[in-house]
Amino acid sequence: MLDQLKEIGQRLAGLRNICEYTITEMAEKLGISEEEYVQYENGTKDFSFSVMYNCASILGVDVLEIMRGESAKLSTCAVVKKGRGFSVKRNEAYDYSNLAYTFKDKKAEPFLVTVEKTDTVPTFHAHEGQEFNYVLSGKMTFYIGSISYELEEGDSIYFDSGIPHTVQTVEDELTQFIAVVMK
C-alpha cells in the first residue's frame, strides 16, 4: 500500500507541475494546509476519495489519472484493446466496460455492456442526455417508459435517456451491446 501511495503522490505532483500550480495554490484550492498536501504528494498520508476527486477536478483530469496513472490528458484519440476497457460491475447481471476512459473532455461515453439472463425484474434508470445502443450479440427487450422493443444482433435504438429505461435479455445467452451516452 505504501508503494501505491507514493506512486499516486508522484502522479499528483507531476500533474500539479504540468498545470503550473504551486503547492500553496493546490493546498488553498483543496482547503487544507500545505503540510497536509505535501504529505499526499510524498505518499505518507492516505487519500480519501473526496481529496483525490477534488485534486482531479482542480487539475482537469479524470480521477483514474491520479489513481491508476493512465493518461486522461489524451485529446487526439484513445485506444482501448479488446477486453481492456475500464470495467464497472453495476450488479450481478450487468457489466459495463468504458471504451474511452482515457480521453479528455468527452462529449459522449461509449460502453460495451454485457447483460446476463436474470429472473429479477430490471430496474429502470434515467439520466441526462441522449443514448445510442447497438446490439452486438444476443437478444434483449428494451424498455423505455411504457414502451418495449425486441432487439437482436444488428439492431439499434437512439433515445432520450431522461426517460426511464432498462434492458432484459430474452434468452439464456449473454447479450452484448454498445451504449453511447451523450451529455
N, C-alpha and C. Protein backbone atom coordinates (compact mmCIF):
# COMPACT_ATOMS: atom_id res chain seq x y z
N MET A 1 0.82 -1.20 0.00
CA MET A 1 0.00 0.00 0.00
C MET A 1 0.87 1.26 0.00
N LEU A 2 1.99 1.21 0.71
CA LEU A 2 2.87 2.37 0.79
C LEU A 2 3.44 2.73 -0.58
N ASP A 3 3.84 1.71 -1.35
CA ASP A 3 4.34 1.97 -2.70
C ASP A 3 3.27 2.61 -3.57
N GLN A 4 2.03 2.11 -3.43
CA GLN A 4 0.92 2.66 -4.21
C GLN A 4 0.68 4.12 -3.84
N LEU A 5 0.74 4.45 -2.56
CA LEU A 5 0.57 5.85 -2.12
C LEU A 5 1.67 6.74 -2.69
N LYS A 6 2.89 6.23 -2.72
CA LYS A 6 4.00 7.01 -3.28
C LYS A 6 3.80 7.25 -4.78
N GLU A 7 3.33 6.21 -5.49
CA GLU A 7 3.07 6.37 -6.92
C GLU A 7 1.96 7.39 -7.18
N ILE A 8 0.91 7.33 -6.40
CA ILE A 8 -0.19 8.29 -6.55
C ILE A 8 0.32 9.69 -6.24
N GLY A 9 1.11 9.83 -5.20
CA GLY A 9 1.68 11.12 -4.85
C GLY A 9 2.57 11.68 -5.96
N GLN A 10 3.36 10.82 -6.58
CA GLN A 10 4.22 11.25 -7.69
C GLN A 10 3.39 11.72 -8.88
N ARG A 11 2.31 10.98 -9.17
CA ARG A 11 1.43 11.40 -10.28
C ARG A 11 0.78 12.74 -9.96
N LEU A 12 0.35 12.89 -8.73
CA LEU A 12 -0.27 14.15 -8.30
C LEU A 12 0.70 15.31 -8.46
N ALA A 13 1.94 15.12 -8.01
CA ALA A 13 2.96 16.17 -8.13
C ALA A 13 3.24 16.47 -9.60
N GLY A 14 3.34 15.44 -10.42
CA GLY A 14 3.60 15.65 -11.84
C GLY A 14 2.48 16.43 -12.52
N LEU A 15 1.24 16.07 -12.21
CA LEU A 15 0.10 16.78 -12.80
C LEU A 15 0.04 18.23 -12.30
N ARG A 16 0.35 18.42 -11.04
CA ARG A 16 0.36 19.78 -10.48
C ARG A 16 1.39 20.62 -11.21
N ASN A 17 2.56 20.06 -11.47
CA ASN A 17 3.61 20.79 -12.19
C ASN A 17 3.20 21.08 -13.64
N ILE A 18 2.58 20.11 -14.31
CA ILE A 18 2.12 20.31 -15.68
C ILE A 18 1.13 21.48 -15.73
N CYS A 19 0.25 21.54 -14.72
CA CYS A 19 -0.76 22.60 -14.67
C CYS A 19 -0.23 23.90 -14.08
N GLU A 20 1.05 23.88 -13.70
CA GLU A 20 1.75 25.07 -13.18
C GLU A 20 1.11 25.66 -11.92
N TYR A 21 0.67 24.75 -11.00
CA TYR A 21 0.19 25.17 -9.69
C TYR A 21 1.31 24.97 -8.68
N THR A 22 1.43 25.88 -7.74
CA THR A 22 2.38 25.69 -6.64
C THR A 22 1.72 24.82 -5.58
N ILE A 23 2.52 24.33 -4.66
CA ILE A 23 1.98 23.55 -3.54
C ILE A 23 1.00 24.42 -2.75
N THR A 24 1.35 25.66 -2.55
CA THR A 24 0.48 26.59 -1.81
C THR A 24 -0.87 26.73 -2.51
N GLU A 25 -0.85 26.91 -3.82
CA GLU A 25 -2.10 27.07 -4.57
C GLU A 25 -2.97 25.81 -4.48
N MET A 26 -2.36 24.64 -4.61
CA MET A 26 -3.14 23.39 -4.52
C MET A 26 -3.75 23.24 -3.13
N ALA A 27 -2.96 23.50 -2.10
CA ALA A 27 -3.47 23.37 -0.72
C ALA A 27 -4.65 24.32 -0.51
N GLU A 28 -4.51 25.55 -1.01
CA GLU A 28 -5.60 26.52 -0.86
C GLU A 28 -6.85 26.06 -1.60
N LYS A 29 -6.68 25.58 -2.82
CA LYS A 29 -7.82 25.13 -3.61
C LYS A 29 -8.52 23.94 -2.94
N LEU A 30 -7.76 23.09 -2.26
CA LEU A 30 -8.32 21.93 -1.57
C LEU A 30 -8.85 22.27 -0.19
N GLY A 31 -8.47 23.44 0.33
CA GLY A 31 -8.90 23.83 1.68
C GLY A 31 -8.19 23.07 2.77
N ILE A 32 -6.90 22.73 2.52
CA ILE A 32 -6.11 22.01 3.52
C ILE A 32 -4.79 22.76 3.71
N SER A 33 -4.03 22.36 4.71
CA SER A 33 -2.74 23.01 4.94
C SER A 33 -1.71 22.54 3.92
N GLU A 34 -0.67 23.36 3.73
CA GLU A 34 0.42 22.96 2.84
C GLU A 34 1.07 21.68 3.34
N GLU A 35 1.22 21.58 4.64
CA GLU A 35 1.85 20.41 5.24
C GLU A 35 1.08 19.14 4.89
N GLU A 36 -0.24 19.19 5.02
CA GLU A 36 -1.05 18.02 4.69
C GLU A 36 -0.94 17.69 3.20
N TYR A 37 -0.97 18.72 2.35
CA TYR A 37 -0.87 18.50 0.91
C TYR A 37 0.48 17.85 0.56
N VAL A 38 1.56 18.32 1.15
CA VAL A 38 2.89 17.75 0.89
C VAL A 38 2.92 16.27 1.30
N GLN A 39 2.23 15.93 2.38
CA GLN A 39 2.15 14.52 2.81
C GLN A 39 1.50 13.66 1.73
N TYR A 40 0.47 14.19 1.06
CA TYR A 40 -0.16 13.45 -0.04
C TYR A 40 0.84 13.23 -1.17
N GLU A 41 1.53 14.31 -1.58
CA GLU A 41 2.49 14.18 -2.69
C GLU A 41 3.65 13.27 -2.33
N ASN A 42 4.05 13.26 -1.06
CA ASN A 42 5.16 12.39 -0.63
C ASN A 42 4.73 10.94 -0.42
N GLY A 43 3.41 10.69 -0.43
CA GLY A 43 2.91 9.34 -0.23
C GLY A 43 2.94 8.89 1.20
N THR A 44 2.96 9.84 2.13
CA THR A 44 2.99 9.49 3.55
C THR A 44 1.62 9.62 4.21
N LYS A 45 0.64 10.09 3.48
CA LYS A 45 -0.73 10.21 4.01
C LYS A 45 -1.68 9.59 3.00
N ASP A 46 -2.58 8.74 3.50
CA ASP A 46 -3.54 8.06 2.62
C ASP A 46 -4.62 9.05 2.16
N PHE A 47 -5.04 8.89 0.91
CA PHE A 47 -6.04 9.76 0.30
C PHE A 47 -7.44 9.29 0.64
N SER A 48 -8.31 10.23 0.97
CA SER A 48 -9.75 9.91 0.95
C SER A 48 -10.17 10.08 -0.49
N PHE A 49 -11.27 9.45 -0.87
CA PHE A 49 -11.72 9.60 -2.25
C PHE A 49 -12.05 11.05 -2.56
N SER A 50 -12.62 11.76 -1.59
CA SER A 50 -13.01 13.15 -1.86
C SER A 50 -11.79 14.02 -2.14
N VAL A 51 -10.69 13.80 -1.45
CA VAL A 51 -9.46 14.56 -1.73
C VAL A 51 -8.96 14.24 -3.13
N MET A 52 -8.94 12.95 -3.47
CA MET A 52 -8.47 12.55 -4.79
C MET A 52 -9.38 13.11 -5.88
N TYR A 53 -10.69 13.05 -5.65
CA TYR A 53 -11.65 13.58 -6.62
C TYR A 53 -11.47 15.09 -6.78
N ASN A 54 -11.30 15.81 -5.68
CA ASN A 54 -11.11 17.26 -5.75
C ASN A 54 -9.80 17.61 -6.45
N CYS A 55 -8.74 16.85 -6.21
CA CYS A 55 -7.47 17.07 -6.91
C CYS A 55 -7.68 16.90 -8.42
N ALA A 56 -8.37 15.83 -8.81
CA ALA A 56 -8.62 15.57 -10.23
C ALA A 56 -9.41 16.72 -10.86
N SER A 57 -10.40 17.23 -10.15
CA SER A 57 -11.20 18.34 -10.66
C SER A 57 -10.36 19.59 -10.86
N ILE A 58 -9.52 19.90 -9.90
CA ILE A 58 -8.65 21.08 -9.98
C ILE A 58 -7.68 20.95 -11.14
N LEU A 59 -7.14 19.75 -11.33
CA LEU A 59 -6.13 19.52 -12.36
C LEU A 59 -6.74 19.22 -13.73
N GLY A 60 -8.05 19.11 -13.80
CA GLY A 60 -8.72 18.90 -15.08
C GLY A 60 -8.53 17.53 -15.67
N VAL A 61 -8.42 16.51 -14.81
CA VAL A 61 -8.26 15.14 -15.27
C VAL A 61 -9.31 14.26 -14.62
N ASP A 62 -9.45 13.06 -15.14
CA ASP A 62 -10.32 12.07 -14.53
C ASP A 62 -9.61 11.54 -13.28
N VAL A 63 -10.36 11.15 -12.29
CA VAL A 63 -9.77 10.64 -11.05
C VAL A 63 -8.90 9.40 -11.33
N LEU A 64 -9.21 8.66 -12.41
CA LEU A 64 -8.39 7.49 -12.76
C LEU A 64 -6.96 7.88 -13.13
N GLU A 65 -6.80 9.09 -13.65
CA GLU A 65 -5.46 9.58 -13.97
C GLU A 65 -4.58 9.55 -12.73
N ILE A 66 -5.13 9.99 -11.63
CA ILE A 66 -4.35 10.03 -10.38
C ILE A 66 -4.25 8.63 -9.77
N MET A 67 -5.34 7.88 -9.79
CA MET A 67 -5.36 6.56 -9.15
C MET A 67 -4.51 5.53 -9.89
N ARG A 68 -4.67 5.46 -11.21
CA ARG A 68 -4.04 4.38 -11.97
C ARG A 68 -2.88 4.82 -12.84
N GLY A 69 -2.76 6.13 -13.06
CA GLY A 69 -1.65 6.62 -13.86
C GLY A 69 -1.84 6.52 -15.34
N GLU A 70 -3.05 6.21 -15.78
CA GLU A 70 -3.31 6.16 -17.21
C GLU A 70 -3.73 7.54 -17.64
N SER A 71 -3.11 8.02 -18.68
CA SER A 71 -3.29 9.40 -19.08
C SER A 71 -4.71 9.73 -19.47
N ALA A 72 -5.28 10.70 -18.77
CA ALA A 72 -6.60 11.21 -19.12
C ALA A 72 -6.45 12.51 -19.88
N LYS A 73 -5.24 12.86 -20.25
CA LYS A 73 -4.98 14.11 -20.96
C LYS A 73 -5.00 13.90 -22.47
N LEU A 74 -5.37 12.72 -22.93
CA LEU A 74 -5.39 12.43 -24.36
C LEU A 74 -6.52 13.21 -25.02
N SER A 75 -6.21 13.87 -26.11
CA SER A 75 -7.25 14.61 -26.81
C SER A 75 -7.27 14.31 -28.30
N THR A 76 -6.34 13.53 -28.79
CA THR A 76 -6.33 13.15 -30.20
C THR A 76 -7.13 11.86 -30.40
N CYS A 77 -6.81 10.85 -29.60
CA CYS A 77 -7.56 9.59 -29.67
C CYS A 77 -7.28 8.78 -28.41
N ALA A 78 -8.13 7.81 -28.17
CA ALA A 78 -7.95 6.89 -27.04
C ALA A 78 -8.18 5.48 -27.57
N VAL A 79 -7.19 4.63 -27.43
CA VAL A 79 -7.30 3.25 -27.90
C VAL A 79 -7.49 2.35 -26.69
N VAL A 80 -8.49 1.49 -26.76
CA VAL A 80 -8.71 0.50 -25.70
C VAL A 80 -8.70 -0.86 -26.39
N LYS A 81 -7.73 -1.68 -26.03
CA LYS A 81 -7.60 -3.01 -26.62
C LYS A 81 -8.70 -3.93 -26.10
N LYS A 82 -9.00 -4.95 -26.88
CA LYS A 82 -10.06 -5.90 -26.55
C LYS A 82 -9.93 -6.39 -25.10
N GLY A 83 -11.03 -6.30 -24.38
CA GLY A 83 -11.08 -6.77 -23.00
C GLY A 83 -10.39 -5.86 -22.00
N ARG A 84 -9.93 -4.67 -22.41
CA ARG A 84 -9.15 -3.80 -21.52
C ARG A 84 -9.88 -2.52 -21.12
N GLY A 85 -11.16 -2.40 -21.44
CA GLY A 85 -11.91 -1.23 -21.00
C GLY A 85 -11.98 -1.17 -19.49
N PHE A 86 -12.25 0.00 -18.96
CA PHE A 86 -12.38 0.14 -17.50
C PHE A 86 -13.72 -0.43 -17.10
N SER A 87 -13.70 -1.54 -16.36
CA SER A 87 -14.91 -2.31 -16.07
C SER A 87 -15.60 -1.83 -14.80
N VAL A 88 -16.93 -1.72 -14.91
CA VAL A 88 -17.76 -1.37 -13.76
C VAL A 88 -18.87 -2.40 -13.72
N LYS A 89 -18.94 -3.14 -12.64
CA LYS A 89 -19.99 -4.17 -12.48
C LYS A 89 -21.12 -3.52 -11.68
N ARG A 90 -22.20 -3.13 -12.38
CA ARG A 90 -23.30 -2.43 -11.73
C ARG A 90 -24.08 -3.34 -10.80
N ASN A 91 -24.34 -4.53 -11.21
CA ASN A 91 -24.96 -5.56 -10.37
C ASN A 91 -24.62 -6.90 -10.99
N GLU A 92 -25.19 -7.98 -10.46
CA GLU A 92 -24.78 -9.30 -10.95
C GLU A 92 -25.09 -9.55 -12.41
N ALA A 93 -26.08 -8.85 -12.98
CA ALA A 93 -26.47 -9.12 -14.37
C ALA A 93 -25.81 -8.18 -15.37
N TYR A 94 -25.30 -7.04 -14.94
CA TYR A 94 -24.76 -6.03 -15.85
C TYR A 94 -23.27 -5.83 -15.64
N ASP A 95 -22.53 -5.79 -16.74
CA ASP A 95 -21.11 -5.45 -16.70
C ASP A 95 -20.88 -4.36 -17.74
N TYR A 96 -20.38 -3.21 -17.31
CA TYR A 96 -20.10 -2.09 -18.21
C TYR A 96 -18.59 -1.98 -18.37
N SER A 97 -18.14 -1.80 -19.59
CA SER A 97 -16.72 -1.59 -19.86
C SER A 97 -16.59 -0.27 -20.61
N ASN A 98 -16.02 0.75 -19.95
CA ASN A 98 -15.87 2.07 -20.57
C ASN A 98 -14.81 1.98 -21.65
N LEU A 99 -15.16 2.38 -22.86
CA LEU A 99 -14.28 2.24 -24.01
C LEU A 99 -13.52 3.52 -24.37
N ALA A 100 -13.64 4.55 -23.54
CA ALA A 100 -12.91 5.80 -23.81
C ALA A 100 -12.50 6.47 -22.50
N TYR A 101 -12.14 5.66 -21.50
CA TYR A 101 -11.88 6.22 -20.18
C TYR A 101 -10.63 7.09 -20.12
N THR A 102 -9.77 7.05 -21.11
CA THR A 102 -8.56 7.87 -21.09
C THR A 102 -8.67 9.13 -21.93
N PHE A 103 -9.83 9.41 -22.50
CA PHE A 103 -9.98 10.57 -23.37
C PHE A 103 -10.45 11.79 -22.59
N LYS A 104 -9.84 12.92 -22.84
CA LYS A 104 -10.14 14.16 -22.13
C LYS A 104 -11.32 14.88 -22.80
N ASP A 105 -12.18 15.47 -21.98
CA ASP A 105 -13.30 16.31 -22.43
C ASP A 105 -14.22 15.60 -23.41
N LYS A 106 -14.60 14.37 -23.06
CA LYS A 106 -15.50 13.60 -23.93
C LYS A 106 -16.87 14.27 -24.04
N LYS A 107 -17.45 14.20 -25.21
CA LYS A 107 -18.82 14.65 -25.42
C LYS A 107 -19.78 13.47 -25.30
N ALA A 108 -19.22 12.26 -25.28
CA ALA A 108 -20.01 11.04 -25.16
C ALA A 108 -19.21 10.01 -24.37
N GLU A 109 -19.92 9.07 -23.75
CA GLU A 109 -19.30 7.97 -23.01
C GLU A 109 -19.69 6.66 -23.68
N PRO A 110 -18.75 6.00 -24.38
CA PRO A 110 -19.08 4.71 -25.01
C PRO A 110 -18.77 3.54 -24.06
N PHE A 111 -19.70 2.60 -24.01
CA PHE A 111 -19.55 1.43 -23.15
C PHE A 111 -19.85 0.17 -23.95
N LEU A 112 -19.14 -0.91 -23.60
CA LEU A 112 -19.53 -2.25 -24.02
C LEU A 112 -20.31 -2.80 -22.83
N VAL A 113 -21.57 -3.13 -23.04
CA VAL A 113 -22.43 -3.60 -21.95
C VAL A 113 -22.72 -5.08 -22.18
N THR A 114 -22.49 -5.88 -21.15
CA THR A 114 -22.80 -7.30 -21.18
C THR A 114 -23.91 -7.55 -20.16
N VAL A 115 -24.99 -8.17 -20.60
CA VAL A 115 -26.13 -8.43 -19.73
C VAL A 115 -26.39 -9.93 -19.69
N GLU A 116 -26.49 -10.45 -18.48
CA GLU A 116 -26.79 -11.87 -18.28
C GLU A 116 -28.28 -12.04 -18.05
N LYS A 117 -28.77 -13.22 -18.31
CA LYS A 117 -30.19 -13.55 -18.05
C LYS A 117 -30.41 -13.55 -16.54
N THR A 118 -31.50 -12.93 -16.13
CA THR A 118 -31.86 -12.91 -14.72
C THR A 118 -33.37 -13.00 -14.61
N ASP A 119 -33.84 -13.57 -13.52
CA ASP A 119 -35.29 -13.69 -13.31
C ASP A 119 -35.86 -12.47 -12.58
N THR A 120 -34.98 -11.62 -12.09
CA THR A 120 -35.47 -10.44 -11.37
C THR A 120 -35.96 -9.38 -12.36
N VAL A 121 -36.90 -8.58 -11.91
CA VAL A 121 -37.43 -7.51 -12.74
C VAL A 121 -36.37 -6.42 -12.85
N PRO A 122 -36.03 -6.00 -14.07
CA PRO A 122 -34.98 -4.98 -14.21
C PRO A 122 -35.43 -3.63 -13.64
N THR A 123 -34.47 -2.90 -13.10
CA THR A 123 -34.72 -1.58 -12.54
C THR A 123 -34.59 -0.53 -13.63
N PHE A 124 -35.53 0.37 -13.69
CA PHE A 124 -35.48 1.46 -14.67
C PHE A 124 -34.55 2.55 -14.16
N HIS A 125 -33.80 3.16 -15.08
CA HIS A 125 -32.89 4.26 -14.76
C HIS A 125 -33.10 5.37 -15.77
N ALA A 126 -32.80 6.58 -15.35
CA ALA A 126 -32.86 7.73 -16.24
C ALA A 126 -31.66 8.62 -15.93
N HIS A 127 -31.15 9.30 -16.93
CA HIS A 127 -30.04 10.22 -16.74
C HIS A 127 -30.09 11.27 -17.83
N GLU A 128 -29.42 12.35 -17.61
CA GLU A 128 -29.41 13.45 -18.55
C GLU A 128 -28.82 13.03 -19.89
N GLY A 129 -29.32 13.62 -20.96
CA GLY A 129 -28.72 13.43 -22.27
C GLY A 129 -29.50 12.51 -23.19
N GLN A 130 -28.77 11.95 -24.14
CA GLN A 130 -29.33 11.02 -25.12
C GLN A 130 -28.42 9.80 -25.17
N GLU A 131 -28.94 8.71 -25.72
CA GLU A 131 -28.16 7.47 -25.75
C GLU A 131 -28.43 6.72 -27.05
N PHE A 132 -27.40 6.04 -27.51
CA PHE A 132 -27.49 5.17 -28.68
C PHE A 132 -27.02 3.78 -28.26
N ASN A 133 -27.82 2.76 -28.53
CA ASN A 133 -27.44 1.37 -28.23
C ASN A 133 -27.44 0.57 -29.53
N TYR A 134 -26.39 -0.25 -29.73
CA TYR A 134 -26.27 -1.11 -30.90
C TYR A 134 -25.99 -2.53 -30.40
N VAL A 135 -26.88 -3.47 -30.74
CA VAL A 135 -26.76 -4.84 -30.25
C VAL A 135 -25.71 -5.60 -31.06
N LEU A 136 -24.70 -6.12 -30.35
CA LEU A 136 -23.63 -6.90 -30.99
C LEU A 136 -23.97 -8.39 -31.04
N SER A 137 -24.57 -8.89 -29.95
CA SER A 137 -24.91 -10.31 -29.90
C SER A 137 -26.03 -10.52 -28.91
N GLY A 138 -26.78 -11.61 -29.12
CA GLY A 138 -27.89 -11.94 -28.23
C GLY A 138 -29.16 -11.19 -28.60
N LYS A 139 -30.16 -11.36 -27.75
CA LYS A 139 -31.45 -10.69 -27.93
C LYS A 139 -31.85 -10.06 -26.61
N MET A 140 -32.52 -8.92 -26.70
CA MET A 140 -32.94 -8.24 -25.48
C MET A 140 -34.25 -7.51 -25.71
N THR A 141 -34.94 -7.30 -24.60
CA THR A 141 -36.11 -6.42 -24.63
C THR A 141 -35.65 -5.09 -24.06
N PHE A 142 -35.88 -4.04 -24.82
CA PHE A 142 -35.52 -2.69 -24.39
C PHE A 142 -36.81 -1.99 -23.96
N TYR A 143 -36.83 -1.51 -22.73
CA TYR A 143 -38.00 -0.82 -22.18
C TYR A 143 -37.67 0.66 -22.05
N ILE A 144 -38.59 1.51 -22.51
CA ILE A 144 -38.45 2.95 -22.30
C ILE A 144 -39.85 3.48 -21.99
N GLY A 145 -39.99 4.08 -20.80
CA GLY A 145 -41.32 4.48 -20.35
C GLY A 145 -42.22 3.27 -20.34
N SER A 146 -43.36 3.35 -21.00
CA SER A 146 -44.31 2.23 -21.04
C SER A 146 -44.21 1.43 -22.34
N ILE A 147 -43.18 1.69 -23.15
CA ILE A 147 -43.00 1.02 -24.44
C ILE A 147 -41.87 -0.01 -24.34
N SER A 148 -41.97 -1.09 -25.12
CA SER A 148 -40.87 -2.06 -25.17
C SER A 148 -40.61 -2.46 -26.62
N TYR A 149 -39.35 -2.82 -26.89
CA TYR A 149 -38.92 -3.24 -28.22
C TYR A 149 -38.06 -4.49 -28.08
N GLU A 150 -38.26 -5.45 -28.97
CA GLU A 150 -37.40 -6.63 -29.03
C GLU A 150 -36.25 -6.29 -29.98
N LEU A 151 -35.03 -6.38 -29.49
CA LEU A 151 -33.86 -6.06 -30.29
C LEU A 151 -32.93 -7.26 -30.35
N GLU A 152 -32.28 -7.44 -31.50
CA GLU A 152 -31.33 -8.53 -31.65
C GLU A 152 -30.11 -8.01 -32.41
N GLU A 153 -29.15 -8.90 -32.61
CA GLU A 153 -27.89 -8.55 -33.27
C GLU A 153 -28.13 -7.68 -34.50
N GLY A 154 -27.43 -6.53 -34.54
CA GLY A 154 -27.53 -5.61 -35.67
C GLY A 154 -28.57 -4.52 -35.50
N ASP A 155 -29.48 -4.68 -34.51
CA ASP A 155 -30.50 -3.65 -34.26
C ASP A 155 -29.90 -2.53 -33.41
N SER A 156 -30.51 -1.35 -33.52
CA SER A 156 -30.05 -0.23 -32.71
C SER A 156 -31.24 0.60 -32.26
N ILE A 157 -31.01 1.42 -31.26
CA ILE A 157 -32.02 2.33 -30.76
C ILE A 157 -31.34 3.61 -30.28
N TYR A 158 -31.93 4.74 -30.59
CA TYR A 158 -31.44 6.05 -30.16
C TYR A 158 -32.58 6.68 -29.37
N PHE A 159 -32.29 7.22 -28.17
CA PHE A 159 -33.39 7.67 -27.33
C PHE A 159 -32.98 8.78 -26.37
N ASP A 160 -34.00 9.41 -25.81
CA ASP A 160 -33.83 10.43 -24.77
C ASP A 160 -33.61 9.66 -23.47
N SER A 161 -32.41 9.72 -22.93
CA SER A 161 -32.09 8.93 -21.74
C SER A 161 -32.65 9.53 -20.45
N GLY A 162 -33.33 10.67 -20.55
CA GLY A 162 -34.03 11.23 -19.40
C GLY A 162 -35.33 10.49 -19.12
N ILE A 163 -35.78 9.66 -20.07
CA ILE A 163 -36.97 8.83 -19.88
C ILE A 163 -36.50 7.52 -19.25
N PRO A 164 -37.12 7.08 -18.16
CA PRO A 164 -36.69 5.83 -17.51
C PRO A 164 -36.65 4.67 -18.51
N HIS A 165 -35.52 3.92 -18.47
CA HIS A 165 -35.30 2.83 -19.42
C HIS A 165 -34.50 1.71 -18.79
N THR A 166 -34.57 0.55 -19.42
CA THR A 166 -33.81 -0.61 -18.96
C THR A 166 -33.81 -1.68 -20.06
N VAL A 167 -33.00 -2.71 -19.87
CA VAL A 167 -32.99 -3.83 -20.81
C VAL A 167 -33.06 -5.14 -20.03
N GLN A 168 -33.52 -6.18 -20.73
CA GLN A 168 -33.54 -7.52 -20.16
C GLN A 168 -33.26 -8.50 -21.30
N THR A 169 -32.40 -9.48 -21.04
CA THR A 169 -32.11 -10.47 -22.09
C THR A 169 -33.35 -11.31 -22.33
N VAL A 170 -33.46 -11.80 -23.56
CA VAL A 170 -34.64 -12.60 -23.95
C VAL A 170 -34.35 -14.08 -23.77
N GLU A 171 -33.14 -14.48 -24.05
CA GLU A 171 -32.78 -15.89 -23.96
C GLU A 171 -31.74 -16.10 -22.87
N ASP A 172 -31.32 -17.35 -22.68
CA ASP A 172 -30.36 -17.66 -21.63
C ASP A 172 -28.94 -17.20 -21.95
N GLU A 173 -28.68 -16.85 -23.20
CA GLU A 173 -27.33 -16.42 -23.59
C GLU A 173 -27.07 -14.97 -23.16
N LEU A 174 -25.81 -14.63 -23.09
CA LEU A 174 -25.43 -13.25 -22.80
C LEU A 174 -25.85 -12.34 -23.95
N THR A 175 -26.17 -11.10 -23.64
CA THR A 175 -26.42 -10.10 -24.65
C THR A 175 -25.35 -9.03 -24.50
N GLN A 176 -24.75 -8.64 -25.60
CA GLN A 176 -23.76 -7.56 -25.58
C GLN A 176 -24.21 -6.46 -26.53
N PHE A 177 -24.05 -5.21 -26.06
CA PHE A 177 -24.35 -4.08 -26.92
C PHE A 177 -23.42 -2.93 -26.61
N ILE A 178 -23.26 -2.08 -27.59
CA ILE A 178 -22.52 -0.84 -27.41
C ILE A 178 -23.53 0.22 -26.99
N ALA A 179 -23.26 0.92 -25.91
CA ALA A 179 -24.09 2.02 -25.46
C ALA A 179 -23.24 3.29 -25.51
N VAL A 180 -23.71 4.28 -26.22
CA VAL A 180 -23.02 5.57 -26.28
C VAL A 180 -23.92 6.60 -25.62
N VAL A 181 -23.48 7.11 -24.47
CA VAL A 181 -24.24 8.09 -23.71
C VAL A 181 -23.70 9.47 -24.04
N MET A 182 -24.57 10.35 -24.52
CA MET A 182 -24.16 11.71 -24.89
C MET A 182 -24.71 12.70 -23.87
N LYS A 183 -23.84 13.59 -23.46
CA LYS A 183 -24.20 14.55 -22.41
C LYS A 183 -25.02 15.69 -22.98
